[in-house]
Amino acid sequence: MTYGYIRVSTDKQTVENQRFEIIGYAKTQNITIDKWIEETISGTVSPDKRNLGKLIRCVNKGDSIICSELSRLGRSMFMIMSILNSLMENEVVVHTVKEGYSLGQDLQSKVLAFAFSISAEIERNLIAERTTEALKRRKAEGKTLGRPKGRKNSSLKLADKEKEIRRMLKEGYTKSYMIEYFNISSATLYNFFRAKGIKY
C-alpha cells in the first residue's frame, strides 16, 4: 500500500498544493497512491493524537508513505526522528517530494534523515529568532507593525486576470494549477475569489 500524507496547520491553508506535489511525484516515480490521509493540525501535536499516528500503527512491511516534505511529519527534530525510526523499523519507506528522499532501512537513508532534521530544526529556530528581533527593532523605531491602513492587498495582483481565471474555472482547471500558473500563494487566490464573489 502507498499512502499520500497531507498535513496543514490551519483551516486557512489548503491541502491542494501538497496533493498536487504528491501526485506529480507519484507519476514521475510510476507509483500508484492507494489511500490519502489528510489532517488540519499543528505539527507540534504528538503523532499519537493525529491521523498520522493511526497511519503509523496500520502500515506494514513494504508499504510506502509520500509527503510533500519531512516537516509535514513533525515540527521538531526529535519528533521527526522518532517517526522515521518507527517507520524504518517496520520497513516502511518514506518518500518526500521537495527533498527527493526515499528513506528506508539503509544506513544512508538514516544518516540523511538525521542530517535533514538537524538542519530543519536549526533553520526554524533562526527564522523565528530573526523575525522576533526584526519586530522588536521596528517597534523600537516607532514603526507601525502589520499592514498599514488603506494599503491594497495582494489579491490585486490578479486584478487584470479576472476573465482568464473565470474561464479557467469554467474549463475545469484546478486551483492548484492556477496557483502554479500565476506564481501566487493560495491565500492570494482565495482572497481574490472572495473579493470578486467567485464561488470556490
N, C-alpha and C. Protein backbone atom coordinates (compact mmCIF):
# COMPACT_ATOMS: atom_id res chain seq x y z
N MET A 1 0.85 -1.21 0.00
CA MET A 1 0.00 0.00 0.00
C MET A 1 0.88 1.25 0.00
N THR A 2 0.45 2.22 -0.75
CA THR A 2 1.13 3.52 -0.76
C THR A 2 0.15 4.59 -0.29
N TYR A 3 0.57 5.34 0.72
CA TYR A 3 -0.28 6.36 1.31
C TYR A 3 0.25 7.76 0.98
N GLY A 4 -0.66 8.65 0.63
CA GLY A 4 -0.30 10.06 0.47
C GLY A 4 -0.68 10.77 1.75
N TYR A 5 0.30 11.38 2.42
CA TYR A 5 0.02 12.05 3.70
C TYR A 5 0.10 13.56 3.53
N ILE A 6 -0.98 14.24 3.94
CA ILE A 6 -1.06 15.70 3.84
C ILE A 6 -1.42 16.28 5.20
N ARG A 7 -0.65 17.30 5.63
CA ARG A 7 -0.99 17.99 6.88
C ARG A 7 -0.87 19.49 6.68
N VAL A 8 -1.90 20.21 7.10
CA VAL A 8 -1.83 21.67 7.14
C VAL A 8 -2.09 22.09 8.58
N SER A 9 -1.57 23.25 8.95
CA SER A 9 -1.65 23.69 10.34
C SER A 9 -2.95 24.39 10.68
N THR A 10 -3.55 25.08 9.70
CA THR A 10 -4.77 25.85 9.98
C THR A 10 -5.78 25.66 8.86
N ASP A 11 -7.01 26.03 9.14
CA ASP A 11 -8.08 25.94 8.14
C ASP A 11 -7.84 26.88 6.97
N LYS A 12 -7.01 27.92 7.20
CA LYS A 12 -6.76 28.91 6.15
C LYS A 12 -5.81 28.35 5.09
N GLN A 13 -5.07 27.32 5.45
CA GLN A 13 -4.16 26.72 4.48
C GLN A 13 -4.93 25.70 3.64
N THR A 14 -4.41 25.37 2.49
CA THR A 14 -5.09 24.44 1.60
C THR A 14 -4.26 23.18 1.41
N VAL A 15 -4.97 22.05 1.34
CA VAL A 15 -4.29 20.76 1.13
C VAL A 15 -3.96 20.57 -0.35
N GLU A 16 -4.52 21.41 -1.20
CA GLU A 16 -4.40 21.19 -2.64
C GLU A 16 -2.97 21.29 -3.14
N ASN A 17 -2.19 22.22 -2.60
CA ASN A 17 -0.80 22.34 -3.03
C ASN A 17 -0.02 21.06 -2.76
N GLN A 18 -0.18 20.53 -1.55
CA GLN A 18 0.53 19.31 -1.19
C GLN A 18 0.05 18.13 -2.03
N ARG A 19 -1.26 18.05 -2.25
CA ARG A 19 -1.79 16.95 -3.07
C ARG A 19 -1.22 17.03 -4.49
N PHE A 20 -1.17 18.25 -5.03
CA PHE A 20 -0.64 18.48 -6.37
C PHE A 20 0.82 17.99 -6.46
N GLU A 21 1.62 18.34 -5.45
CA GLU A 21 3.03 17.94 -5.44
C GLU A 21 3.18 16.43 -5.34
N ILE A 22 2.38 15.82 -4.47
CA ILE A 22 2.48 14.37 -4.26
C ILE A 22 2.06 13.60 -5.50
N ILE A 23 0.97 14.03 -6.12
CA ILE A 23 0.50 13.36 -7.35
C ILE A 23 1.56 13.46 -8.45
N GLY A 24 2.16 14.65 -8.58
CA GLY A 24 3.20 14.84 -9.59
C GLY A 24 4.39 13.93 -9.34
N TYR A 25 4.81 13.83 -8.08
CA TYR A 25 5.94 12.97 -7.72
C TYR A 25 5.61 11.51 -8.02
N ALA A 26 4.40 11.08 -7.62
CA ALA A 26 3.99 9.69 -7.82
C ALA A 26 4.02 9.31 -9.30
N LYS A 27 3.61 10.25 -10.15
CA LYS A 27 3.60 9.98 -11.59
C LYS A 27 5.01 9.80 -12.13
N THR A 28 5.92 10.66 -11.68
CA THR A 28 7.30 10.55 -12.17
C THR A 28 7.98 9.27 -11.69
N GLN A 29 7.56 8.76 -10.54
CA GLN A 29 8.14 7.54 -9.97
C GLN A 29 7.33 6.30 -10.33
N ASN A 30 6.26 6.51 -11.11
CA ASN A 30 5.38 5.41 -11.50
C ASN A 30 4.80 4.68 -10.29
N ILE A 31 4.35 5.49 -9.32
CA ILE A 31 3.77 4.96 -8.08
C ILE A 31 2.27 5.26 -8.07
N THR A 32 1.48 4.29 -7.65
CA THR A 32 0.04 4.48 -7.51
C THR A 32 -0.30 4.73 -6.05
N ILE A 33 -0.98 5.82 -5.77
CA ILE A 33 -1.37 6.13 -4.39
C ILE A 33 -2.68 5.43 -4.09
N ASP A 34 -2.67 4.56 -3.09
CA ASP A 34 -3.85 3.75 -2.75
C ASP A 34 -4.80 4.47 -1.80
N LYS A 35 -4.25 5.31 -0.93
CA LYS A 35 -5.11 5.96 0.07
C LYS A 35 -4.50 7.29 0.49
N TRP A 36 -5.39 8.27 0.76
CA TRP A 36 -4.95 9.58 1.22
C TRP A 36 -5.28 9.76 2.69
N ILE A 37 -4.33 10.33 3.42
CA ILE A 37 -4.53 10.69 4.82
C ILE A 37 -4.34 12.20 4.93
N GLU A 38 -5.39 12.91 5.32
CA GLU A 38 -5.31 14.37 5.43
C GLU A 38 -5.71 14.81 6.83
N GLU A 39 -5.08 15.87 7.32
CA GLU A 39 -5.48 16.42 8.61
C GLU A 39 -5.07 17.88 8.73
N THR A 40 -5.85 18.61 9.51
CA THR A 40 -5.57 20.01 9.80
C THR A 40 -5.24 20.11 11.28
N ILE A 41 -3.95 20.17 11.57
CA ILE A 41 -3.49 20.17 12.95
C ILE A 41 -2.03 20.62 12.99
N SER A 42 -1.61 21.20 14.08
CA SER A 42 -0.23 21.65 14.21
C SER A 42 0.73 20.46 14.26
N GLY A 43 1.89 20.65 13.66
CA GLY A 43 2.91 19.60 13.67
C GLY A 43 3.55 19.41 15.02
N THR A 44 3.26 20.32 15.97
CA THR A 44 3.82 20.17 17.31
C THR A 44 3.02 19.17 18.14
N VAL A 45 1.80 18.84 17.68
CA VAL A 45 0.96 17.88 18.39
C VAL A 45 1.53 16.48 18.21
N SER A 46 1.53 15.70 19.28
CA SER A 46 2.06 14.34 19.24
C SER A 46 1.40 13.52 18.15
N PRO A 47 2.18 12.72 17.42
CA PRO A 47 1.60 11.87 16.37
C PRO A 47 0.47 10.98 16.88
N ASP A 48 0.55 10.56 18.14
CA ASP A 48 -0.49 9.70 18.71
C ASP A 48 -1.85 10.37 18.72
N LYS A 49 -1.86 11.70 18.71
CA LYS A 49 -3.12 12.45 18.74
C LYS A 49 -3.51 12.94 17.35
N ARG A 50 -2.80 12.43 16.34
CA ARG A 50 -3.06 12.82 14.96
C ARG A 50 -3.42 11.60 14.11
N ASN A 51 -3.94 11.85 12.93
CA ASN A 51 -4.21 10.76 12.00
C ASN A 51 -2.91 10.07 11.59
N LEU A 52 -1.81 10.82 11.66
CA LEU A 52 -0.51 10.24 11.35
C LEU A 52 -0.20 9.06 12.27
N GLY A 53 -0.57 9.19 13.55
CA GLY A 53 -0.34 8.11 14.50
C GLY A 53 -1.08 6.85 14.10
N LYS A 54 -2.33 7.02 13.66
CA LYS A 54 -3.13 5.87 13.21
C LYS A 54 -2.49 5.23 11.98
N LEU A 55 -1.95 6.08 11.10
CA LEU A 55 -1.28 5.58 9.90
C LEU A 55 -0.04 4.77 10.26
N ILE A 56 0.76 5.31 11.19
CA ILE A 56 1.98 4.62 11.61
C ILE A 56 1.66 3.24 12.19
N ARG A 57 0.53 3.15 12.91
CA ARG A 57 0.15 1.88 13.54
C ARG A 57 -0.39 0.86 12.54
N CYS A 58 -0.92 1.34 11.41
CA CYS A 58 -1.55 0.40 10.48
C CYS A 58 -0.67 -0.01 9.31
N VAL A 59 0.42 0.71 9.05
CA VAL A 59 1.27 0.35 7.91
C VAL A 59 2.02 -0.95 8.17
N ASN A 60 2.33 -1.64 7.08
CA ASN A 60 3.02 -2.92 7.16
C ASN A 60 4.33 -2.89 6.38
N LYS A 61 5.12 -3.91 6.56
CA LYS A 61 6.39 -4.05 5.85
C LYS A 61 6.15 -3.93 4.35
N GLY A 62 6.95 -3.09 3.70
CA GLY A 62 6.82 -2.92 2.26
C GLY A 62 5.92 -1.78 1.83
N ASP A 63 5.17 -1.21 2.78
CA ASP A 63 4.31 -0.06 2.46
C ASP A 63 5.15 1.20 2.28
N SER A 64 4.53 2.21 1.67
CA SER A 64 5.22 3.48 1.46
C SER A 64 4.32 4.64 1.87
N ILE A 65 4.96 5.72 2.32
CA ILE A 65 4.24 6.95 2.64
C ILE A 65 4.90 8.08 1.85
N ILE A 66 4.08 8.86 1.15
CA ILE A 66 4.61 10.01 0.40
C ILE A 66 4.07 11.29 1.03
N CYS A 67 4.97 12.21 1.34
CA CYS A 67 4.54 13.52 1.86
C CYS A 67 5.32 14.60 1.11
N SER A 68 4.85 15.83 1.18
CA SER A 68 5.50 16.89 0.43
C SER A 68 6.89 17.20 0.95
N GLU A 69 7.08 17.11 2.28
CA GLU A 69 8.39 17.33 2.89
C GLU A 69 8.38 16.75 4.31
N LEU A 70 9.55 16.52 4.85
CA LEU A 70 9.65 15.89 6.17
C LEU A 70 9.00 16.72 7.26
N SER A 71 8.98 18.03 7.10
CA SER A 71 8.39 18.88 8.15
C SER A 71 6.89 18.66 8.27
N ARG A 72 6.27 18.00 7.28
CA ARG A 72 4.84 17.67 7.39
C ARG A 72 4.62 16.61 8.47
N LEU A 73 5.66 15.83 8.76
CA LEU A 73 5.54 14.77 9.78
C LEU A 73 5.59 15.36 11.18
N GLY A 74 6.38 16.40 11.37
CA GLY A 74 6.54 16.99 12.70
C GLY A 74 7.30 18.29 12.63
N ARG A 75 7.28 19.05 13.74
CA ARG A 75 7.93 20.34 13.74
C ARG A 75 9.19 20.40 14.60
N SER A 76 9.62 19.25 15.06
CA SER A 76 10.88 19.24 15.82
C SER A 76 11.75 18.08 15.37
N MET A 77 13.04 18.23 15.57
CA MET A 77 13.99 17.21 15.17
C MET A 77 13.68 15.87 15.83
N PHE A 78 13.40 15.91 17.13
CA PHE A 78 13.19 14.66 17.86
C PHE A 78 11.91 13.95 17.41
N MET A 79 10.88 14.73 17.13
CA MET A 79 9.63 14.12 16.68
C MET A 79 9.81 13.46 15.31
N ILE A 80 10.44 14.17 14.40
CA ILE A 80 10.66 13.62 13.06
C ILE A 80 11.50 12.35 13.13
N MET A 81 12.56 12.39 13.93
CA MET A 81 13.44 11.22 14.05
C MET A 81 12.70 10.03 14.66
N SER A 82 11.86 10.30 15.65
CA SER A 82 11.09 9.24 16.29
C SER A 82 10.14 8.58 15.29
N ILE A 83 9.48 9.41 14.49
CA ILE A 83 8.54 8.90 13.50
C ILE A 83 9.26 8.07 12.44
N LEU A 84 10.37 8.62 11.93
CA LEU A 84 11.14 7.91 10.91
C LEU A 84 11.69 6.59 11.45
N ASN A 85 12.16 6.62 12.70
CA ASN A 85 12.71 5.41 13.30
C ASN A 85 11.65 4.31 13.40
N SER A 86 10.45 4.71 13.82
CA SER A 86 9.35 3.75 13.93
C SER A 86 9.00 3.16 12.58
N LEU A 87 8.94 4.00 11.56
CA LEU A 87 8.60 3.53 10.22
C LEU A 87 9.70 2.65 9.63
N MET A 88 10.95 3.06 9.85
CA MET A 88 12.06 2.28 9.32
C MET A 88 12.15 0.90 9.97
N GLU A 89 11.85 0.84 11.27
CA GLU A 89 11.87 -0.44 11.97
C GLU A 89 10.84 -1.41 11.37
N ASN A 90 9.74 -0.85 10.88
CA ASN A 90 8.70 -1.67 10.25
C ASN A 90 8.92 -1.82 8.74
N GLU A 91 10.09 -1.34 8.29
CA GLU A 91 10.48 -1.43 6.87
C GLU A 91 9.47 -0.75 5.96
N VAL A 92 9.05 0.44 6.39
CA VAL A 92 8.17 1.28 5.60
C VAL A 92 9.02 2.40 4.99
N VAL A 93 8.86 2.64 3.71
CA VAL A 93 9.66 3.66 3.01
C VAL A 93 8.91 5.00 3.03
N VAL A 94 9.64 6.06 3.33
CA VAL A 94 9.06 7.41 3.34
C VAL A 94 9.65 8.21 2.18
N HIS A 95 8.78 8.64 1.27
CA HIS A 95 9.20 9.47 0.14
C HIS A 95 8.85 10.93 0.43
N THR A 96 9.78 11.84 0.16
CA THR A 96 9.48 13.27 0.32
C THR A 96 9.66 13.95 -1.04
N VAL A 97 8.69 14.74 -1.41
CA VAL A 97 8.68 15.34 -2.74
C VAL A 97 9.74 16.43 -2.89
N LYS A 98 9.71 17.42 -2.00
CA LYS A 98 10.60 18.57 -2.15
C LYS A 98 12.07 18.21 -2.00
N GLU A 99 12.37 17.33 -1.03
CA GLU A 99 13.77 16.95 -0.83
C GLU A 99 14.20 15.81 -1.76
N GLY A 100 13.22 15.08 -2.29
CA GLY A 100 13.53 13.97 -3.19
C GLY A 100 14.11 12.77 -2.47
N TYR A 101 13.75 12.58 -1.20
CA TYR A 101 14.29 11.47 -0.42
C TYR A 101 13.39 10.23 -0.53
N SER A 102 14.02 9.07 -0.47
CA SER A 102 13.32 7.80 -0.30
C SER A 102 13.99 7.13 0.88
N LEU A 103 13.43 7.34 2.06
CA LEU A 103 14.08 6.91 3.30
C LEU A 103 13.59 5.54 3.72
N GLY A 104 14.52 4.60 3.76
CA GLY A 104 14.17 3.23 4.14
C GLY A 104 15.07 2.68 5.21
N GLN A 105 15.50 1.43 5.01
CA GLN A 105 16.29 0.75 6.04
C GLN A 105 17.79 0.98 5.92
N ASP A 106 18.26 1.45 4.76
CA ASP A 106 19.71 1.56 4.55
C ASP A 106 20.30 2.67 5.41
N LEU A 107 21.57 2.52 5.71
CA LEU A 107 22.28 3.46 6.58
C LEU A 107 22.29 4.86 6.01
N GLN A 108 22.44 4.98 4.69
CA GLN A 108 22.49 6.29 4.06
C GLN A 108 21.19 7.05 4.31
N SER A 109 20.07 6.35 4.25
CA SER A 109 18.77 6.97 4.49
C SER A 109 18.68 7.51 5.90
N LYS A 110 19.17 6.72 6.87
CA LYS A 110 19.10 7.14 8.27
C LYS A 110 19.99 8.36 8.53
N VAL A 111 21.17 8.35 7.94
CA VAL A 111 22.08 9.48 8.11
C VAL A 111 21.49 10.73 7.48
N LEU A 112 20.91 10.56 6.28
CA LEU A 112 20.32 11.68 5.57
C LEU A 112 19.15 12.27 6.34
N ALA A 113 18.30 11.40 6.87
CA ALA A 113 17.14 11.85 7.65
C ALA A 113 17.59 12.61 8.89
N PHE A 114 18.62 12.11 9.54
CA PHE A 114 19.14 12.76 10.75
C PHE A 114 19.71 14.13 10.42
N ALA A 115 20.49 14.20 9.35
CA ALA A 115 21.10 15.48 8.95
C ALA A 115 20.03 16.49 8.58
N PHE A 116 19.02 16.05 7.84
CA PHE A 116 17.95 16.97 7.45
C PHE A 116 17.20 17.50 8.66
N SER A 117 16.91 16.61 9.60
CA SER A 117 16.17 17.00 10.79
C SER A 117 16.90 18.08 11.58
N ILE A 118 18.21 17.89 11.72
CA ILE A 118 19.01 18.88 12.45
C ILE A 118 18.98 20.23 11.71
N SER A 119 19.17 20.17 10.40
CA SER A 119 19.17 21.40 9.59
C SER A 119 17.84 22.13 9.68
N ALA A 120 16.74 21.36 9.59
CA ALA A 120 15.40 21.95 9.63
C ALA A 120 15.13 22.60 10.97
N GLU A 121 15.56 21.93 12.05
CA GLU A 121 15.36 22.47 13.40
C GLU A 121 16.13 23.78 13.58
N ILE A 122 17.38 23.78 13.15
CA ILE A 122 18.21 24.98 13.28
C ILE A 122 17.63 26.13 12.46
N GLU A 123 17.20 25.83 11.23
CA GLU A 123 16.66 26.86 10.35
C GLU A 123 15.39 27.47 10.92
N ARG A 124 14.50 26.64 11.47
CA ARG A 124 13.27 27.16 12.05
C ARG A 124 13.57 28.08 13.24
N ASN A 125 14.53 27.68 14.06
CA ASN A 125 14.90 28.49 15.21
C ASN A 125 15.50 29.83 14.79
N LEU A 126 16.33 29.78 13.74
CA LEU A 126 16.96 31.01 13.25
C LEU A 126 15.93 31.97 12.65
N ILE A 127 14.97 31.41 11.90
CA ILE A 127 13.92 32.23 11.30
C ILE A 127 13.08 32.89 12.38
N ALA A 128 12.70 32.10 13.39
CA ALA A 128 11.90 32.63 14.49
C ALA A 128 12.66 33.73 15.23
N GLU A 129 13.95 33.50 15.44
CA GLU A 129 14.77 34.48 16.15
C GLU A 129 14.91 35.76 15.34
N ARG A 130 15.15 35.63 14.03
CA ARG A 130 15.29 36.81 13.17
C ARG A 130 13.99 37.60 13.11
N THR A 131 12.87 36.88 13.02
CA THR A 131 11.57 37.55 12.96
C THR A 131 11.29 38.34 14.23
N THR A 132 11.56 37.70 15.37
CA THR A 132 11.34 38.37 16.67
C THR A 132 12.21 39.60 16.80
N GLU A 133 13.48 39.48 16.43
CA GLU A 133 14.40 40.62 16.52
C GLU A 133 13.98 41.76 15.60
N ALA A 134 13.53 41.40 14.38
CA ALA A 134 13.12 42.43 13.42
C ALA A 134 11.88 43.18 13.92
N LEU A 135 10.95 42.46 14.51
CA LEU A 135 9.73 43.10 15.03
C LEU A 135 10.06 44.02 16.21
N LYS A 136 10.96 43.56 17.08
CA LYS A 136 11.37 44.38 18.23
C LYS A 136 12.05 45.65 17.74
N ARG A 137 12.89 45.51 16.71
CA ARG A 137 13.61 46.67 16.19
C ARG A 137 12.64 47.69 15.57
N ARG A 138 11.68 47.18 14.79
CA ARG A 138 10.69 48.07 14.16
C ARG A 138 9.84 48.79 15.21
N LYS A 139 9.50 48.05 16.26
CA LYS A 139 8.68 48.64 17.32
C LYS A 139 9.48 49.72 18.05
N ALA A 140 10.76 49.43 18.30
CA ALA A 140 11.62 50.39 19.00
C ALA A 140 11.82 51.66 18.16
N GLU A 141 11.78 51.49 16.83
CA GLU A 141 11.94 52.63 15.94
C GLU A 141 10.63 53.41 15.76
N GLY A 142 9.59 52.91 16.41
CA GLY A 142 8.29 53.60 16.33
C GLY A 142 7.50 53.31 15.08
N LYS A 143 7.88 52.27 14.36
CA LYS A 143 7.17 51.93 13.13
C LYS A 143 5.95 51.09 13.43
N THR A 144 4.91 51.27 12.66
CA THR A 144 3.67 50.52 12.84
C THR A 144 3.84 49.11 12.30
N LEU A 145 3.46 48.14 13.13
CA LEU A 145 3.57 46.75 12.71
C LEU A 145 2.30 46.34 11.97
N GLY A 146 2.43 45.42 11.04
CA GLY A 146 1.29 44.97 10.27
C GLY A 146 1.09 45.81 9.03
N ARG A 147 0.05 45.48 8.26
CA ARG A 147 -0.21 46.20 7.02
C ARG A 147 -0.80 47.57 7.31
N PRO A 148 -0.24 48.62 6.77
CA PRO A 148 -0.76 49.96 7.00
C PRO A 148 -2.21 50.08 6.53
N LYS A 149 -2.99 50.93 7.19
CA LYS A 149 -4.39 51.12 6.82
C LYS A 149 -4.48 51.66 5.40
N GLY A 150 -5.42 51.09 4.66
CA GLY A 150 -5.65 51.57 3.30
C GLY A 150 -4.73 50.96 2.28
N ARG A 151 -3.79 50.13 2.70
CA ARG A 151 -2.87 49.53 1.73
C ARG A 151 -3.59 48.44 0.96
N LYS A 152 -3.39 48.40 -0.32
CA LYS A 152 -4.05 47.42 -1.16
C LYS A 152 -3.52 46.03 -0.84
N ASN A 153 -4.42 45.05 -0.83
CA ASN A 153 -3.97 43.70 -0.52
C ASN A 153 -3.45 42.99 -1.76
N SER A 154 -2.86 41.82 -1.51
CA SER A 154 -2.16 41.10 -2.57
C SER A 154 -3.09 40.53 -3.63
N SER A 155 -4.41 40.47 -3.33
CA SER A 155 -5.33 39.91 -4.32
C SER A 155 -5.37 40.75 -5.59
N LEU A 156 -4.95 42.03 -5.48
CA LEU A 156 -4.94 42.90 -6.65
C LEU A 156 -3.87 42.50 -7.66
N LYS A 157 -3.01 41.58 -7.26
CA LYS A 157 -2.04 41.05 -8.22
C LYS A 157 -2.78 40.42 -9.40
N LEU A 158 -4.01 39.97 -9.12
CA LEU A 158 -4.80 39.28 -10.13
C LEU A 158 -5.88 40.17 -10.74
N ALA A 159 -5.80 41.47 -10.48
CA ALA A 159 -6.86 42.39 -10.90
C ALA A 159 -7.16 42.30 -12.39
N ASP A 160 -6.13 42.13 -13.21
CA ASP A 160 -6.34 42.08 -14.66
C ASP A 160 -6.45 40.65 -15.19
N LYS A 161 -6.61 39.69 -14.26
CA LYS A 161 -6.67 38.28 -14.66
C LYS A 161 -8.06 37.68 -14.45
N GLU A 162 -9.05 38.54 -14.10
CA GLU A 162 -10.36 38.01 -13.72
C GLU A 162 -10.99 37.18 -14.84
N LYS A 163 -10.99 37.70 -16.06
CA LYS A 163 -11.60 36.97 -17.17
C LYS A 163 -10.92 35.63 -17.39
N GLU A 164 -9.59 35.66 -17.33
CA GLU A 164 -8.82 34.43 -17.55
C GLU A 164 -9.11 33.40 -16.46
N ILE A 165 -9.19 33.88 -15.22
CA ILE A 165 -9.45 32.98 -14.10
C ILE A 165 -10.85 32.38 -14.19
N ARG A 166 -11.83 33.21 -14.54
CA ARG A 166 -13.20 32.70 -14.68
C ARG A 166 -13.27 31.66 -15.80
N ARG A 167 -12.54 31.91 -16.89
CA ARG A 167 -12.51 30.94 -17.99
C ARG A 167 -11.88 29.63 -17.55
N MET A 168 -10.77 29.73 -16.80
CA MET A 168 -10.07 28.52 -16.34
C MET A 168 -10.95 27.70 -15.40
N LEU A 169 -11.69 28.39 -14.52
CA LEU A 169 -12.60 27.69 -13.62
C LEU A 169 -13.69 26.98 -14.40
N LYS A 170 -14.22 27.67 -15.41
CA LYS A 170 -15.28 27.10 -16.25
C LYS A 170 -14.79 25.87 -16.99
N GLU A 171 -13.53 25.91 -17.40
CA GLU A 171 -12.96 24.80 -18.17
C GLU A 171 -12.42 23.68 -17.28
N GLY A 172 -12.55 23.87 -15.95
CA GLY A 172 -12.20 22.78 -15.03
C GLY A 172 -10.78 22.76 -14.53
N TYR A 173 -10.03 23.85 -14.73
CA TYR A 173 -8.66 23.90 -14.20
C TYR A 173 -8.71 23.89 -12.67
N THR A 174 -7.77 23.18 -12.04
CA THR A 174 -7.76 23.11 -10.58
C THR A 174 -7.16 24.39 -10.00
N LYS A 175 -7.47 24.65 -8.75
CA LYS A 175 -6.92 25.83 -8.07
C LYS A 175 -5.41 25.69 -7.91
N SER A 176 -4.96 24.44 -7.69
CA SER A 176 -3.51 24.20 -7.57
C SER A 176 -2.79 24.59 -8.85
N TYR A 177 -3.41 24.26 -9.99
CA TYR A 177 -2.81 24.61 -11.27
C TYR A 177 -2.71 26.12 -11.42
N MET A 178 -3.80 26.84 -11.03
CA MET A 178 -3.80 28.30 -11.15
C MET A 178 -2.75 28.95 -10.25
N ILE A 179 -2.56 28.38 -9.06
CA ILE A 179 -1.55 28.89 -8.14
C ILE A 179 -0.17 28.79 -8.77
N GLU A 180 0.08 27.63 -9.41
CA GLU A 180 1.36 27.42 -10.09
C GLU A 180 1.47 28.34 -11.32
N TYR A 181 0.39 28.41 -12.09
CA TYR A 181 0.37 29.16 -13.35
C TYR A 181 0.66 30.65 -13.14
N PHE A 182 0.00 31.23 -12.13
CA PHE A 182 0.15 32.66 -11.87
C PHE A 182 1.29 32.97 -10.89
N ASN A 183 1.91 31.91 -10.36
CA ASN A 183 3.02 32.06 -9.42
C ASN A 183 2.61 32.90 -8.21
N ILE A 184 1.53 32.45 -7.57
CA ILE A 184 0.99 33.17 -6.41
C ILE A 184 0.79 32.19 -5.26
N SER A 185 0.45 32.72 -4.09
CA SER A 185 0.15 31.86 -2.95
C SER A 185 -1.33 31.48 -2.99
N SER A 186 -1.68 30.44 -2.27
CA SER A 186 -3.08 30.02 -2.20
C SER A 186 -3.93 31.12 -1.55
N ALA A 187 -3.34 31.83 -0.57
CA ALA A 187 -4.08 32.90 0.11
C ALA A 187 -4.45 34.01 -0.87
N THR A 188 -3.52 34.35 -1.76
CA THR A 188 -3.79 35.39 -2.75
C THR A 188 -4.95 35.00 -3.66
N LEU A 189 -4.95 33.74 -4.09
CA LEU A 189 -6.01 33.27 -4.98
C LEU A 189 -7.37 33.29 -4.28
N TYR A 190 -7.43 32.79 -3.04
CA TYR A 190 -8.70 32.72 -2.32
C TYR A 190 -9.19 34.11 -1.91
N ASN A 191 -8.28 35.01 -1.60
CA ASN A 191 -8.68 36.39 -1.30
C ASN A 191 -9.29 37.04 -2.54
N PHE A 192 -8.72 36.73 -3.69
CA PHE A 192 -9.25 37.26 -4.96
C PHE A 192 -10.65 36.71 -5.22
N PHE A 193 -10.83 35.40 -4.96
CA PHE A 193 -12.16 34.79 -5.15
C PHE A 193 -13.20 35.50 -4.28
N ARG A 194 -12.82 35.72 -3.02
CA ARG A 194 -13.77 36.36 -2.09
C ARG A 194 -14.09 37.78 -2.52
N ALA A 195 -13.04 38.51 -2.95
CA ALA A 195 -13.23 39.90 -3.36
C ALA A 195 -14.13 40.03 -4.59
N LYS A 196 -14.07 39.04 -5.47
CA LYS A 196 -14.85 39.06 -6.71
C LYS A 196 -16.15 38.26 -6.60
N GLY A 197 -16.38 37.66 -5.42
CA GLY A 197 -17.60 36.88 -5.24
C GLY A 197 -17.63 35.61 -6.04
N ILE A 198 -16.45 35.06 -6.29
CA ILE A 198 -16.34 33.82 -7.06
C ILE A 198 -16.46 32.63 -6.12
N LYS A 199 -17.37 31.72 -6.42
CA LYS A 199 -17.54 30.53 -5.57
C LYS A 199 -16.41 29.55 -5.87
N TYR A 200 -15.88 28.96 -4.81
CA TYR A 200 -14.77 28.00 -4.98
C TYR A 200 -14.90 26.86 -4.00
